[in-house]
Every structure is written in C-alpha cells, then in structure tokens.
Amino acid sequence: MEQQAISPHLRWACRRGMLELDIVLTHFLENGYCQLLPEEQELFALLLTSQDQDLFRWIFSNETQPTEKFQAIIEKIRFYALSRFSS
C-alpha cells in the first residue's frame, strides 16, 4: 500500500490532543503502516478509537492493554517510536 492510499480519515484519527501521541502515531502511519498486514491495519484503525489517556499509557508505559488483540500492534508502535525517537 502506498502512502497516498492511506485514507484522510485515518490520518485525522492519528491527530491527538496529546503532542506525544500525535507525533508517534502520525509518524507510524506515514512510515510503518504500509508494512502492516491488512488485519493489523484494521487493528490500528480500531486502536485509534481509544481515548488519548489510554493510548498514552499503553504506548509509553508497560501497562497491559485491555485486550490481547492490541498487544502486537502496540508493540510495533513502541518499537517504531523507540527506534525513531530514541537517541
């Protein structure tokens, strides 16, 4: 899937009220989303319906997610964020 094929709705859903989430999710969408399997892309879209506070805890801490179905996609986002934004 090419970057142009990413829906504007999905791009908008990555824009969050918390700057940290906004940066990580938008960068992940632009650079990591296309490598996801279709099922993972669906989970990513579903994950974006979560509240900012929950997403922040799940991505930036080791807190357990409410369901195991999000575990793999959150790990991919974490790995991307660590590799991209760590010095």
Protein backbone atom coordinates (compact mmCIF):
# COMPACT_ATOMS: atom_id res chain seq x y z
CA MET A 1 0.00 0.00 0.00
CA GLU A 2 1.42 3.37 -0.97
CA GLN A 3 1.41 6.36 1.32
CA GLN A 4 -1.10 8.17 -0.94
CA ALA A 5 -3.56 5.30 -0.41
CA ILE A 6 -3.84 5.99 3.33
CA SER A 7 -7.28 7.41 3.98
CA PRO A 8 -7.63 11.00 5.13
CA HIS A 9 -9.92 9.72 7.91
CA LEU A 10 -7.09 7.56 9.25
CA ARG A 11 -4.66 10.48 9.05
CA TRP A 12 -7.09 12.63 11.00
CA ALA A 13 -7.59 9.90 13.63
CA CYS A 14 -3.83 9.97 14.30
CA ARG A 15 -4.06 13.64 15.24
CA ARG A 16 -4.49 13.60 19.01
CA GLY A 17 -4.87 16.02 21.87
CA MET A 18 -1.50 14.94 23.31
CA LEU A 19 1.51 16.07 21.30
CA GLU A 20 3.49 12.90 22.07
CA LEU A 21 0.72 10.70 20.68
CA ASP A 22 0.21 12.98 17.70
CA ILE A 23 3.89 12.74 16.75
CA VAL A 24 4.30 8.99 17.29
CA LEU A 25 1.02 7.91 15.67
CA THR A 26 1.36 10.23 12.67
CA HIS A 27 4.95 9.15 12.03
CA PHE A 28 3.97 5.49 12.44
CA LEU A 29 1.11 5.94 9.97
CA GLU A 30 3.40 7.58 7.42
CA ASN A 31 6.32 5.17 7.82
CA GLY A 32 5.17 1.89 9.37
CA TYR A 33 1.52 1.44 8.48
CA CYS A 34 2.17 0.28 4.92
CA GLN A 35 4.24 -2.67 6.18
CA LEU A 36 1.38 -3.94 8.35
CA LEU A 37 -0.77 -6.86 7.31
CA PRO A 38 -4.38 -5.94 6.41
CA GLU A 39 -5.59 -7.40 9.73
CA GLU A 40 -3.03 -5.29 11.60
CA GLN A 41 -4.11 -2.20 9.68
CA GLU A 42 -7.69 -2.84 10.83
CA LEU A 43 -6.49 -3.22 14.43
CA PHE A 44 -4.52 0.02 14.14
CA ALA A 45 -7.66 1.84 12.98
CA LEU A 46 -9.63 0.29 15.84
CA LEU A 47 -6.90 1.22 18.32
CA LEU A 48 -7.23 4.85 17.24
CA THR A 49 -10.79 4.89 18.60
CA SER A 50 -9.34 4.61 22.13
CA GLN A 51 -9.05 7.56 24.50
CA ASP A 52 -5.81 9.56 24.50
CA GLN A 53 -5.05 8.75 28.13
CA ASP A 54 -5.34 5.02 27.45
CA LEU A 55 -3.22 5.17 24.30
CA PHE A 56 -0.56 7.14 26.13
CA ARG A 57 -0.35 4.56 28.95
CA TRP A 58 -0.32 1.61 26.56
CA ILE A 59 2.35 3.03 24.24
CA PHE A 60 4.62 4.90 26.66
CA SER A 61 4.49 2.59 29.67
CA ASN A 62 4.49 -1.15 30.16
CA GLU A 63 0.87 -1.15 31.24
CA THR A 64 -1.14 -4.09 29.96
CA GLN A 65 -3.66 -3.38 27.24
CA PRO A 66 -7.36 -4.04 27.90
CA THR A 67 -7.42 -6.85 25.35
CA GLU A 68 -4.66 -9.02 23.96
CA LYS A 69 -5.71 -8.22 20.40
CA PHE A 70 -3.96 -4.84 20.64
CA GLN A 71 -0.74 -6.23 22.12
CA ALA A 72 1.06 -6.89 18.82
CA ILE A 73 0.17 -3.59 17.18
CA ILE A 74 1.11 -1.61 20.29
CA GLU A 75 4.45 -3.43 20.40
CA LYS A 76 5.06 -2.44 16.77
CA ILE A 77 4.24 1.19 17.54
CA ARG A 78 6.53 1.10 20.60
CA PHE A 79 9.37 -0.45 18.60
CA TYR A 80 8.93 2.15 15.88
CA ALA A 81 8.87 5.00 18.40
CA LEU A 82 11.96 3.72 20.22
CA SER A 83 13.93 3.22 17.02
CA ARG A 84 12.83 6.54 15.58
CA PHE A 85 12.88 8.90 18.55
CA SER A 86 15.49 7.48 20.95
CA SER A 87 18.92 8.98 20.95
